[in-house]
Structures are given as structure tokens and as C-alpha cells.
Amino acid sequence: MFRNLSLEALGLSGQQDSELIESALSNGFKGVSLDLPAFQQRVQSQGLDRARRLFESAKLKFGVAALPFSPAAADAEFQAGLAQLPAWAELSAQLGCTRWETSLLPASDERPYHANFEFYRARLGQVAQALAARGIRLGVGFDAAPDARRDRAFEFIHSAEATAMLVGMAGASNLGLIVDLWQIFAAGGSFDAVRKLPAQQIVAVRLADAKTGTQPGDAAADSRVLPGETGVIDAIAALTALAELGYDGPVTPTAHPSRFAGQGRQAILKAARESLDAVWKGAGLTPSGKLAAVAK
């Protein structure tokens, strides 16, 4: 597995490619998240070779890309997204980015649970089928924060186990899970469920901790802090387990923007680097993300 930088996951706005690359390299990241629509625009204006030249020179991977539209979008928007998927997938594959991510909405005002389950099962299956031709896997995440479900008519999936069930019933071998430590904790779940997954079902990993005193099942989104910061969530044990499973994908540090109130960009990146360094070393991982004791 490798360290992946997502500016969005740290509450930062976009940068020029050269600045993003400098931020990643200066802070020990081996990959960066890909903004597909923005990169596609650069390809259209500059050509593919020129648009990716800096990333190739820096030997940075594109770790993961977000599905450019929501699976829960209105019909017209969803169909428009499906129509553009082949072009997005082709570009992503050419860039070596074969992992995408999306997330379920944890509640609905239109569809009760079982109807919503079928709605997502069908739509995720359609998206996965379109991506499979280019060898792209789609990871599905969930939102466990109670605020995201409050005052909505019908609750929906907000746990790892239920997400895994939905993914399994979608009938697509290139569908998997986003393992987000904070979301698992907030849902009142355990990392033990992840230990039972085959490595190929884990598409991407997000590392975070929770503020001291945060209670599972009642965690507000702003309680998400950097991995290893408080020890409420055991990121070291999670990384060790992922290495034992043979997971080889991106690991992205995440925190709520309020964690960095009053801090500048460089201070935020430094804090993310140091937190990830600490849990990486605590798990006994080599720079390439393997357990040092068994690395060859």
C-alpha cells in the first residue's frame, strides 16, 4: 500500500499541478487523488502527454478518483453521467488510475429502505459494468454521522456490514468497499469485519482518528481528526491488518476542516505527513507499505 494525498480530504482547495506535485513529494506521499473532470479539461486543451508529463516525471501515482456524479442523482443527470463514463474511464485507465470511489447517501425522503437498496443495487451495477471494460474498480463508502440522517423520512445504509451486503448483491466483481476508519468507528462497528474481507474487495483506505470523548453511534463529522492523534481509533492496528491482508492500494489521511482552523496550507500538510509517518512506523511498515518483518 502507499501514502496518498487528497487535498479535499484535508479541507484544502485545489492547486496547480506543479504545486500539488511539490506538496506530495515534499511530504512523502507516493500518490495523489485524481480530479477526473478537471484533468480531462486539461487534456482537451493541452493533449494527454503534456497534461500528465509532470506527474510522470515526479513518479507519482494517481491513487484514486471520485466517480464524477452521484449514484443517487436525478435520472437525467445519472444518464448523462453514464454517457460520459466511457471517456472518463478511458482517460483514467491511460493514467494508471484503476480505483474509483463513491458513497451512499445514508437517508432518503423519497424511497424507504428496501426500495432504496434496490435503487442503489441497480445503479451501482450499471456504473460498475461500464467501468469493468477498462479494468477499473469502484469502491463504495457510507456516511455514519447521525446528522446526515436527521430529519429525513427514511434511513438507509450507514454501516460497513450493510454496505458490503449491497455491494455483494450488485453482482459486479469490480465493486468493492472504501475502508474509512472514522466511519466504521462512528457506526459503532469494529475493524474485525474488515479483517474478513479479501484484499481485492478493499478499493481504497481512509485513515482518521476521533476527538477524545467521541462516542460511537453519536459522532459528529467535526470529530474527525488526523490518524493517531488521540488513539480513540487504532490506526496502527488497522494498518498492520491491512498489510497482513496484502492490501496494496492508496491510504489517504483525512480530517475535518475544523481540525486546521487558523492554519496555513504548509502547516496542514506537515501535520498530515507527521501523523501518517507516526502510524506507518508504529505498524512496522516499510516505505512501500509492507510489514518490515516479512518484507523481502
C-alpha atoms as a PDB file:
ATOM      1  CA  MET A   1       0.000   0.000   0.000  1.00  0.00           C
ATOM      2  CA  PHE A   2       1.110   3.576  -0.467  1.00  0.00           C
ATOM      3  CA  ARG A   3       0.553   7.015   1.038  1.00  0.00           C
ATOM      4  CA  ASN A   4      -1.944   9.036  -0.967  1.00  0.00           C
ATOM      5  CA  LEU A   5      -2.595  12.773  -0.789  1.00  0.00           C
ATOM      6  CA  SER A   6      -6.098  14.160  -1.217  1.00  0.00           C
ATOM      7  CA  LEU A   7      -6.307  17.911  -0.736  1.00  0.00           C
ATOM      8  CA  GLU A   8     -10.079  17.695  -0.349  1.00  0.00           C
ATOM      9  CA  ALA A   9      -9.719  15.158   2.482  1.00  0.00           C
ATOM     10  CA  LEU A  10      -7.722  17.774   4.393  1.00  0.00           C
ATOM     11  CA  GLY A  11     -10.095  20.641   3.650  1.00  0.00           C
ATOM     12  CA  LEU A  12      -7.744  22.244   1.132  1.00  0.00           C
ATOM     13  CA  SER A  13      -8.663  23.776  -2.195  1.00  0.00           C
ATOM     14  CA  GLY A  14      -7.077  22.791  -5.479  1.00  0.00           C
ATOM     15  CA  GLN A  15      -3.587  23.734  -6.612  1.00  0.00           C
ATOM     16  CA  GLN A  16      -1.795  23.963  -9.895  1.00  0.00           C
ATOM     17  CA  ASP A  17      -0.302  20.607 -10.920  1.00  0.00           C
ATOM     18  CA  SER A  18       3.215  21.764 -10.103  1.00  0.00           C
ATOM     19  CA  GLU A  19       2.125  22.865  -6.615  1.00  0.00           C
ATOM     20  CA  LEU A  20       0.219  19.638  -5.971  1.00  0.00           C
ATOM     21  CA  ILE A  21       3.227  17.591  -7.021  1.00  0.00           C
ATOM     22  CA  GLU A  22       5.545  19.640  -4.811  1.00  0.00           C
ATOM     23  CA  SER A  23       3.142  19.233  -1.869  1.00  0.00           C
ATOM     24  CA  ALA A  24       3.056  15.468  -2.350  1.00  0.00           C
ATOM     25  CA  LEU A  25       6.770  14.937  -2.843  1.00  0.00           C
ATOM     26  CA  SER A  26       7.799  17.270  -0.023  1.00  0.00           C
ATOM     27  CA  ASN A  27       5.601  15.400   2.428  1.00  0.00           C
ATOM     28  CA  GLY A  28       6.400  11.815   1.494  1.00  0.00           C
ATOM     29  CA  PHE A  29       3.288  10.912  -0.488  1.00  0.00           C
ATOM     30  CA  LYS A  30       3.628   8.409  -3.317  1.00  0.00           C
ATOM     31  CA  GLY A  31       0.250   9.100  -4.899  1.00  0.00           C
ATOM     32  CA  VAL A  32      -2.377  11.804  -5.311  1.00  0.00           C
ATOM     33  CA  SER A  33      -6.122  11.683  -5.827  1.00  0.00           C
ATOM     34  CA  LEU A  34      -7.247  12.403  -9.373  1.00  0.00           C
ATOM     35  CA  ASP A  35      -9.830  15.056 -10.222  1.00  0.00           C
ATOM     36  CA  LEU A  36     -11.036  13.459 -13.431  1.00  0.00           C
ATOM     37  CA  PRO A  37     -13.241  16.243 -14.867  1.00  0.00           C
ATOM     38  CA  ALA A  38     -10.542  18.852 -14.261  1.00  0.00           C
ATOM     39  CA  PHE A  39      -7.816  16.661 -15.746  1.00  0.00           C
ATOM     40  CA  GLN A  40      -9.997  15.890 -18.746  1.00  0.00           C
ATOM     41  CA  GLN A  41     -10.288  19.624 -19.433  1.00  0.00           C
ATOM     42  CA  ARG A  42      -6.501  19.957 -19.361  1.00  0.00           C
ATOM     43  CA  VAL A  43      -6.153  17.032 -21.758  1.00  0.00           C
ATOM     44  CA  GLN A  44      -8.608  18.685 -24.142  1.00  0.00           C
ATOM     45  CA  SER A  45      -6.609  21.931 -24.112  1.00  0.00           C
ATOM     46  CA  GLN A  46      -3.039  20.549 -23.854  1.00  0.00           C
ATOM     47  CA  GLY A  47      -3.122  16.949 -25.052  1.00  0.00           C
ATOM     48  CA  LEU A  48      -2.635  13.867 -22.889  1.00  0.00           C
ATOM     49  CA  ASP A  49       1.153  13.688 -22.997  1.00  0.00           C
ATOM     50  CA  ARG A  50       1.621  17.273 -21.882  1.00  0.00           C
ATOM     51  CA  ALA A  51      -1.120  17.108 -19.221  1.00  0.00           C
ATOM     52  CA  ARG A  52       0.448  14.112 -17.478  1.00  0.00           C
ATOM     53  CA  ARG A  53       4.116  14.926 -18.067  1.00  0.00           C
ATOM     54  CA  LEU A  54       4.788  16.474 -14.647  1.00  0.00           C
ATOM     55  CA  PHE A  55       3.208  13.576 -12.766  1.00  0.00           C
ATOM     56  CA  GLU A  56       5.194  11.023 -14.763  1.00  0.00           C
ATOM     57  CA  SER A  57       8.425  12.938 -14.167  1.00  0.00           C
ATOM     58  CA  ALA A  58       7.695  13.005 -10.430  1.00  0.00           C
ATOM     59  CA  LYS A  59       6.873   9.262 -10.465  1.00  0.00           C
ATOM     60  CA  LEU A  60       3.618   9.929  -8.609  1.00  0.00           C
ATOM     61  CA  LYS A  61       0.712   7.510  -8.889  1.00  0.00           C
ATOM     62  CA  PHE A  62      -2.881   8.560  -9.271  1.00  0.00           C
ATOM     63  CA  GLY A  63      -4.217   6.713  -6.256  1.00  0.00           C
ATOM     64  CA  VAL A  64      -7.979   7.070  -6.550  1.00  0.00           C
ATOM     65  CA  ALA A  65     -10.566   9.140  -8.414  1.00  0.00           C
ATOM     66  CA  ALA A  66     -14.067  10.088  -7.365  1.00  0.00           C
ATOM     67  CA  LEU A  67     -16.970   8.957  -9.527  1.00  0.00           C
ATOM     68  CA  PRO A  68     -17.801  12.295 -11.218  1.00  0.00           C
ATOM     69  CA  PHE A  69     -21.531  12.076 -10.439  1.00  0.00           C
ATOM     70  CA  SER A  70     -23.650  10.723  -7.605  1.00  0.00           C
ATOM     71  CA  PRO A  71     -25.289   7.296  -7.926  1.00  0.00           C
ATOM     72  CA  ALA A  72     -28.346   8.958  -6.337  1.00  0.00           C
ATOM     73  CA  ALA A  73     -28.533  11.766  -8.921  1.00  0.00           C
ATOM     74  CA  ALA A  74     -31.790  12.594 -10.683  1.00  0.00           C
ATOM     75  CA  ASP A  75     -32.459  10.369 -13.694  1.00  0.00           C
ATOM     76  CA  ALA A  76     -31.363  12.887 -16.319  1.00  0.00           C
ATOM     77  CA  GLU A  77     -28.105  13.671 -14.501  1.00  0.00           C
ATOM     78  CA  PHE A  78     -27.393   9.996 -13.875  1.00  0.00           C
ATOM     79  CA  GLN A  79     -27.960   9.062 -17.522  1.00  0.00           C
ATOM     80  CA  ALA A  80     -25.753  11.954 -18.633  1.00  0.00           C
ATOM     81  CA  GLY A  81     -23.034  10.692 -16.311  1.00  0.00           C
ATOM     82  CA  LEU A  82     -23.342   7.164 -17.667  1.00  0.00           C
ATOM     83  CA  ALA A  83     -22.973   8.522 -21.192  1.00  0.00           C
ATOM     84  CA  GLN A  84     -19.685  10.209 -20.242  1.00  0.00           C
ATOM     85  CA  LEU A  85     -18.323   7.232 -18.300  1.00  0.00           C
ATOM     86  CA  PRO A  86     -16.517   5.549 -21.214  1.00  0.00           C
ATOM     87  CA  ALA A  87     -14.460   8.692 -21.894  1.00  0.00           C
ATOM     88  CA  TRP A  88     -13.684   9.249 -18.209  1.00  0.00           C
ATOM     89  CA  ALA A  89     -12.795   5.587 -17.745  1.00  0.00           C
ATOM     90  CA  GLU A  90     -10.556   5.573 -20.813  1.00  0.00           C
ATOM     91  CA  LEU A  91      -8.627   8.599 -19.545  1.00  0.00           C
ATOM     92  CA  SER A  92      -8.370   7.165 -16.031  1.00  0.00           C
ATOM     93  CA  ALA A  93      -7.021   3.870 -17.360  1.00  0.00           C
ATOM     94  CA  GLN A  94      -4.467   5.686 -19.518  1.00  0.00           C
ATOM     95  CA  LEU A  95      -3.264   7.478 -16.385  1.00  0.00           C
ATOM     96  CA  GLY A  96      -2.985   4.204 -14.480  1.00  0.00           C
ATOM     97  CA  CYS A  97      -5.762   5.166 -12.070  1.00  0.00           C
ATOM     98  CA  THR A  98      -7.820   1.986 -11.750  1.00  0.00           C
ATOM     99  CA  ARG A  99      -9.508   2.722  -8.416  1.00  0.00           C
ATOM    100  CA  TRP A 100     -12.568   4.945  -8.113  1.00  0.00           C
ATOM    101  CA  GLU A 101     -14.727   5.808  -5.135  1.00  0.00           C
ATOM    102  CA  THR A 102     -18.265   6.906  -4.384  1.00  0.00           C
ATOM    103  CA  SER A 103     -20.537   6.995  -1.343  1.00  0.00           C
ATOM    104  CA  LEU A 104     -24.087   6.132  -0.358  1.00  0.00           C
ATOM    105  CA  LEU A 105     -26.460   8.751   0.991  1.00  0.00           C
ATOM    106  CA  PRO A 106     -27.495   7.490   4.455  1.00  0.00           C
ATOM    107  CA  ALA A 107     -31.133   8.584   4.203  1.00  0.00           C
ATOM    108  CA  SER A 108     -33.820   9.484   1.693  1.00  0.00           C
ATOM    109  CA  ASP A 109     -37.038  11.478   1.562  1.00  0.00           C
ATOM    110  CA  GLU A 110     -38.311   9.553  -1.467  1.00  0.00           C
ATOM    111  CA  ARG A 111     -37.543   5.860  -1.024  1.00  0.00           C
ATOM    112  CA  PRO A 112     -37.927   3.569   2.006  1.00  0.00           C
ATOM    113  CA  TYR A 113     -35.021   1.259   2.862  1.00  0.00           C
ATOM    114  CA  HIS A 114     -35.831  -1.728   0.632  1.00  0.00           C
ATOM    115  CA  ALA A 115     -36.722   0.422  -2.381  1.00  0.00           C
ATOM    116  CA  ASN A 116     -33.550   2.451  -1.893  1.00  0.00           C
ATOM    117  CA  PHE A 117     -31.490  -0.740  -1.611  1.00  0.00           C
ATOM    118  CA  GLU A 118     -32.780  -1.905  -4.995  1.00  0.00           C
ATOM    119  CA  PHE A 119     -32.279   1.593  -6.446  1.00  0.00           C
ATOM    120  CA  TYR A 120     -28.588   1.649  -5.465  1.00  0.00           C
ATOM    121  CA  ARG A 121     -28.051  -2.023  -6.357  1.00  0.00           C
ATOM    122  CA  ALA A 122     -29.208  -1.386  -9.905  1.00  0.00           C
ATOM    123  CA  ARG A 123     -27.360   1.892 -10.359  1.00  0.00           C
ATOM    124  CA  LEU A 124     -24.059   0.702  -8.889  1.00  0.00           C
ATOM    125  CA  GLY A 125     -24.290  -2.339 -11.124  1.00  0.00           C
ATOM    126  CA  GLN A 126     -24.704  -0.114 -14.183  1.00  0.00           C
ATOM    127  CA  VAL A 127     -21.717   2.022 -13.251  1.00  0.00           C
ATOM    128  CA  ALA A 128     -19.551  -0.993 -12.443  1.00  0.00           C
ATOM    129  CA  GLN A 129     -20.396  -2.629 -15.750  1.00  0.00           C
ATOM    130  CA  ALA A 130     -19.312   0.491 -17.638  1.00  0.00           C
ATOM    131  CA  LEU A 131     -16.023   0.656 -15.691  1.00  0.00           C
ATOM    132  CA  ALA A 132     -15.183  -3.025 -15.953  1.00  0.00           C
ATOM    133  CA  ALA A 133     -14.260  -2.732 -19.627  1.00  0.00           C
ATOM    134  CA  ARG A 134     -11.329  -0.505 -18.661  1.00  0.00           C
ATOM    135  CA  GLY A 135     -10.260  -2.584 -15.641  1.00  0.00           C
ATOM    136  CA  ILE A 136     -11.474  -0.007 -13.111  1.00  0.00           C
ATOM    137  CA  ARG A 137     -12.744  -0.950  -9.658  1.00  0.00           C
ATOM    138  CA  LEU A 138     -15.334   1.152  -7.828  1.00  0.00           C
ATOM    139  CA  GLY A 139     -15.203   1.404  -4.039  1.00  0.00           C
ATOM    140  CA  VAL A 140     -18.401   2.243  -2.154  1.00  0.00           C
ATOM    141  CA  GLY A 141     -18.384   4.119   1.144  1.00  0.00           C
ATOM    142  CA  PHE A 142     -21.039   5.147   3.649  1.00  0.00           C
ATOM    143  CA  ASP A 143     -21.802   8.065   5.972  1.00  0.00           C
ATOM    144  CA  ALA A 144     -22.351   7.153   9.631  1.00  0.00           C
ATOM    145  CA  ALA A 145     -22.721  10.656  11.105  1.00  0.00           C
ATOM    146  CA  PRO A 146     -26.190  10.915  12.724  1.00  0.00           C
ATOM    147  CA  ASP A 147     -26.589  14.483  11.469  1.00  0.00           C
ATOM    148  CA  ALA A 148     -26.640  13.178   7.907  1.00  0.00           C
ATOM    149  CA  ARG A 149     -29.792  11.148   8.663  1.00  0.00           C
ATOM    150  CA  ARG A 150     -31.595  13.571  10.931  1.00  0.00           C
ATOM    151  CA  ASP A 151     -34.962  14.960   9.777  1.00  0.00           C
ATOM    152  CA  ARG A 152     -35.091  12.648   6.763  1.00  0.00           C
ATOM    153  CA  ALA A 153     -38.075  10.430   6.072  1.00  0.00           C
ATOM    154  CA  PHE A 154     -36.263   7.119   5.604  1.00  0.00           C
ATOM    155  CA  GLU A 155     -32.930   5.961   6.994  1.00  0.00           C
ATOM    156  CA  PHE A 156     -30.621   3.949   4.768  1.00  0.00           C
ATOM    157  CA  ILE A 157     -27.294   2.125   4.947  1.00  0.00           C
ATOM    158  CA  HIS A 158     -24.757   3.628   7.351  1.00  0.00           C
ATOM    159  CA  SER A 159     -22.515   0.698   8.325  1.00  0.00           C
ATOM    160  CA  ALA A 160     -19.730  -1.348   6.727  1.00  0.00           C
ATOM    161  CA  GLU A 161     -21.615  -4.623   7.003  1.00  0.00           C
ATOM    162  CA  ALA A 162     -24.716  -3.314   5.216  1.00  0.00           C
ATOM    163  CA  THR A 163     -22.569  -1.658   2.542  1.00  0.00           C
ATOM    164  CA  ALA A 164     -20.766  -4.946   1.953  1.00  0.00           C
ATOM    165  CA  MET A 165     -24.133  -6.692   1.569  1.00  0.00           C
ATOM    166  CA  LEU A 166     -25.279  -4.157  -1.025  1.00  0.00           C
ATOM    167  CA  VAL A 167     -22.016  -4.432  -2.941  1.00  0.00           C
ATOM    168  CA  GLY A 168     -22.231  -8.209  -2.913  1.00  0.00           C
ATOM    169  CA  MET A 169     -25.789  -8.190  -4.257  1.00  0.00           C
ATOM    170  CA  ALA A 170     -24.958  -5.769  -7.084  1.00  0.00           C
ATOM    171  CA  GLY A 171     -23.391  -8.674  -8.935  1.00  0.00           C
ATOM    172  CA  ALA A 172     -20.263  -6.914 -10.186  1.00  0.00           C
ATOM    173  CA  SER A 173     -16.806  -8.308  -9.435  1.00  0.00           C
ATOM    174  CA  ASN A 174     -15.195  -4.869  -9.764  1.00  0.00           C
ATOM    175  CA  LEU A 175     -17.295  -3.376  -6.954  1.00  0.00           C
ATOM    176  CA  GLY A 176     -15.699  -3.158  -3.532  1.00  0.00           C
ATOM    177  CA  LEU A 177     -15.540  -1.099  -0.349  1.00  0.00           C
ATOM    178  CA  ILE A 178     -13.949   2.102   0.848  1.00  0.00           C
ATOM    179  CA  VAL A 179     -12.482   1.335   4.265  1.00  0.00           C
ATOM    180  CA  ASP A 180     -12.821   4.551   6.261  1.00  0.00           C
ATOM    181  CA  LEU A 181     -11.715   4.087   9.869  1.00  0.00           C
ATOM    182  CA  TRP A 182     -13.698   7.045  11.201  1.00  0.00           C
ATOM    183  CA  GLN A 183     -16.899   5.923   9.510  1.00  0.00           C
ATOM    184  CA  ILE A 184     -16.520   2.391  10.873  1.00  0.00           C
ATOM    185  CA  PHE A 185     -15.975   3.805  14.363  1.00  0.00           C
ATOM    186  CA  ALA A 186     -18.865   6.267  14.058  1.00  0.00           C
ATOM    187  CA  ALA A 187     -21.184   3.422  13.032  1.00  0.00           C
ATOM    188  CA  GLY A 188     -20.290   1.569  16.215  1.00  0.00           C
ATOM    189  CA  GLY A 189     -18.548  -1.101  14.171  1.00  0.00           C
ATOM    190  CA  SER A 190     -15.268  -2.921  14.514  1.00  0.00           C
ATOM    191  CA  PHE A 191     -12.293  -3.313  12.210  1.00  0.00           C
ATOM    192  CA  ASP A 192     -12.706  -7.068  12.689  1.00  0.00           C
ATOM    193  CA  ALA A 193     -15.270  -7.017   9.882  1.00  0.00           C
ATOM    194  CA  VAL A 194     -12.597  -5.668   7.528  1.00  0.00           C
ATOM    195  CA  ARG A 195     -10.180  -8.441   8.518  1.00  0.00           C
ATOM    196  CA  LYS A 196     -12.604 -10.938   6.999  1.00  0.00           C
ATOM    197  CA  LEU A 197     -12.555  -9.249   3.591  1.00  0.00           C
ATOM    198  CA  PRO A 198     -10.311 -10.419   0.759  1.00  0.00           C
ATOM    199  CA  ALA A 199      -7.806  -7.720  -0.151  1.00  0.00           C
ATOM    200  CA  GLN A 200      -9.311  -7.306  -3.634  1.00  0.00           C
ATOM    201  CA  GLN A 201     -12.587  -6.111  -2.094  1.00  0.00           C
ATOM    202  CA  ILE A 202     -10.848  -3.135  -0.468  1.00  0.00           C
ATOM    203  CA  VAL A 203     -10.563  -0.448  -3.116  1.00  0.00           C
ATOM    204  CA  ALA A 204      -9.214   2.433  -1.005  1.00  0.00           C
ATOM    205  CA  VAL A 205      -8.470   3.261   2.634  1.00  0.00           C
ATOM    206  CA  ARG A 206      -9.068   6.470   4.559  1.00  0.00           C
ATOM    207  CA  LEU A 207      -7.278   6.929   7.877  1.00  0.00           C
ATOM    208  CA  ALA A 208      -8.507   9.187  10.658  1.00  0.00           C
ATOM    209  CA  ASP A 209      -8.878   9.378  14.423  1.00  0.00           C
ATOM    210  CA  ALA A 210     -11.666  10.807  16.577  1.00  0.00           C
ATOM    211  CA  LYS A 211     -11.590  13.527  19.198  1.00  0.00           C
ATOM    212  CA  THR A 212     -11.221  12.351  22.768  1.00  0.00           C
ATOM    213  CA  GLY A 213     -14.634  11.672  24.280  1.00  0.00           C
ATOM    214  CA  THR A 214     -16.331  10.936  20.960  1.00  0.00           C
ATOM    215  CA  GLN A 215     -18.849   8.133  21.306  1.00  0.00           C
ATOM    216  CA  PRO A 216     -19.571   5.569  18.567  1.00  0.00           C
ATOM    217  CA  GLY A 217     -23.065   5.927  17.211  1.00  0.00           C
ATOM    218  CA  ASP A 218     -23.206   9.632  18.088  1.00  0.00           C
ATOM    219  CA  ALA A 219     -20.138  11.045  16.345  1.00  0.00           C
ATOM    220  CA  ALA A 220     -20.388  14.425  14.653  1.00  0.00           C
ATOM    221  CA  ALA A 221     -18.446  14.900  11.427  1.00  0.00           C
ATOM    222  CA  ASP A 222     -16.229  17.540  13.026  1.00  0.00           C
ATOM    223  CA  SER A 223     -14.881  14.953  15.486  1.00  0.00           C
ATOM    224  CA  ARG A 224     -12.718  13.515  12.686  1.00  0.00           C
ATOM    225  CA  VAL A 225      -9.042  14.313  13.321  1.00  0.00           C
ATOM    226  CA  LEU A 226      -5.761  13.054  11.885  1.00  0.00           C
ATOM    227  CA  PRO A 227      -4.778   9.391  12.321  1.00  0.00           C
ATOM    228  CA  GLY A 228      -3.021   8.596  15.587  1.00  0.00           C
ATOM    229  CA  GLU A 229      -3.850  11.984  17.072  1.00  0.00           C
ATOM    230  CA  THR A 230      -5.812  10.739  20.089  1.00  0.00           C
ATOM    231  CA  GLY A 231      -5.729   6.949  19.892  1.00  0.00           C
ATOM    232  CA  VAL A 232      -9.520   6.664  20.062  1.00  0.00           C
ATOM    233  CA  ILE A 233      -9.276   4.795  16.739  1.00  0.00           C
ATOM    234  CA  ASP A 234      -6.358   2.376  16.452  1.00  0.00           C
ATOM    235  CA  ALA A 235      -4.888   3.271  13.071  1.00  0.00           C
ATOM    236  CA  ILE A 236      -1.716   1.299  13.792  1.00  0.00           C
ATOM    237  CA  ALA A 237      -3.626  -1.953  14.275  1.00  0.00           C
ATOM    238  CA  ALA A 238      -5.659  -1.230  11.137  1.00  0.00           C
ATOM    239  CA  LEU A 239      -2.559  -0.652   9.008  1.00  0.00           C
ATOM    240  CA  THR A 240      -0.964  -3.819  10.351  1.00  0.00           C
ATOM    241  CA  ALA A 241      -4.078  -5.825   9.491  1.00  0.00           C
ATOM    242  CA  LEU A 242      -4.264  -4.312   6.002  1.00  0.00           C
ATOM    243  CA  ALA A 243      -0.635  -5.243   5.363  1.00  0.00           C
ATOM    244  CA  GLU A 244      -1.311  -8.780   6.560  1.00  0.00           C
ATOM    245  CA  LEU A 245      -4.263  -8.985   4.153  1.00  0.00           C
ATOM    246  CA  GLY A 246      -1.995  -7.954   1.300  1.00  0.00           C
ATOM    247  CA  TYR A 247      -3.801  -4.695   0.546  1.00  0.00           C
ATOM    248  CA  ASP A 248      -1.722  -2.746  -1.983  1.00  0.00           C
ATOM    249  CA  GLY A 249      -3.773   0.397  -2.660  1.00  0.00           C
ATOM    250  CA  PRO A 250      -3.869   4.046  -1.550  1.00  0.00           C
ATOM    251  CA  VAL A 251      -4.004   5.100   2.101  1.00  0.00           C
ATOM    252  CA  THR A 252      -5.293   8.664   2.492  1.00  0.00           C
ATOM    253  CA  PRO A 253      -5.152  10.691   5.733  1.00  0.00           C
ATOM    254  CA  THR A 254      -8.362  12.641   6.361  1.00  0.00           C
ATOM    255  CA  ALA A 255      -9.621  15.151   8.900  1.00  0.00           C
ATOM    256  CA  HIS A 256     -12.483  17.618   9.230  1.00  0.00           C
ATOM    257  CA  PRO A 257     -11.504  21.143   8.094  1.00  0.00           C
ATOM    258  CA  SER A 258     -12.208  22.482  11.595  1.00  0.00           C
ATOM    259  CA  ARG A 259      -9.185  20.496  12.805  1.00  0.00           C
ATOM    260  CA  PHE A 260      -6.978  23.002  10.959  1.00  0.00           C
ATOM    261  CA  ALA A 261      -8.686  26.256  11.906  1.00  0.00           C
ATOM    262  CA  GLY A 262      -6.268  29.153  11.554  1.00  0.00           C
ATOM    263  CA  GLN A 263      -3.523  27.037   9.956  1.00  0.00           C
ATOM    264  CA  GLY A 264      -1.947  27.643   6.581  1.00  0.00           C
ATOM    265  CA  ARG A 265      -1.542  25.129   3.782  1.00  0.00           C
ATOM    266  CA  GLN A 266       2.020  24.123   4.649  1.00  0.00           C
ATOM    267  CA  ALA A 267       1.171  23.589   8.307  1.00  0.00           C
ATOM    268  CA  ILE A 268      -1.772  21.377   7.349  1.00  0.00           C
ATOM    269  CA  LEU A 269       0.330  19.265   5.000  1.00  0.00           C
ATOM    270  CA  LYS A 270       3.062  18.952   7.611  1.00  0.00           C
ATOM    271  CA  ALA A 271       0.568  17.785  10.235  1.00  0.00           C
ATOM    272  CA  ALA A 272      -0.854  15.199   7.818  1.00  0.00           C
ATOM    273  CA  ARG A 273       2.617  13.949   6.953  1.00  0.00           C
ATOM    274  CA  GLU A 274       3.712  13.642  10.570  1.00  0.00           C
ATOM    275  CA  SER A 275       0.562  11.855  11.662  1.00  0.00           C
ATOM    276  CA  LEU A 276       0.819   9.366   8.806  1.00  0.00           C
ATOM    277  CA  ASP A 277       4.543   8.857   9.450  1.00  0.00           C
ATOM    278  CA  ALA A 278       3.852   8.021  13.078  1.00  0.00           C
ATOM    279  CA  VAL A 279       1.175   5.370  12.460  1.00  0.00           C
ATOM    280  CA  TRP A 280       3.086   3.951   9.484  1.00  0.00           C
ATOM    281  CA  LYS A 281       6.173   3.419  11.614  1.00  0.00           C
ATOM    282  CA  GLY A 282       4.070   2.230  14.550  1.00  0.00           C
ATOM    283  CA  ALA A 283       2.658  -0.509  12.326  1.00  0.00           C
ATOM    284  CA  GLY A 284       6.182  -1.549  11.344  1.00  0.00           C
ATOM    285  CA  LEU A 285       5.664  -0.812   7.662  1.00  0.00           C
ATOM    286  CA  THR A 286       8.366  -0.260   5.086  1.00  0.00           C
ATOM    287  CA  PRO A 287       8.141   2.814   2.831  1.00  0.00           C
ATOM    288  CA  SER A 288       6.411   0.570   0.264  1.00  0.00           C
ATOM    289  CA  GLY A 289       3.726  -0.364   2.782  1.00  0.00           C
ATOM    290  CA  LYS A 290       4.781  -3.903   3.644  1.00  0.00           C
ATOM    291  CA  LEU A 291       5.413  -5.318   7.091  1.00  0.00           C
ATOM    292  CA  ALA A 292       9.132  -4.858   7.758  1.00  0.00           C
ATOM    293  CA  ALA A 293       9.375  -8.234   9.476  1.00  0.00           C
ATOM    294  CA  VAL A 294       8.286 -10.108   6.348  1.00  0.00           C
ATOM    295  CA  ALA A 295       9.353  -7.750   3.567  1.00  0.00           C
ATOM    296  CA  LYS A 296      11.748  -9.302   1.065  1.00  0.00           C
END
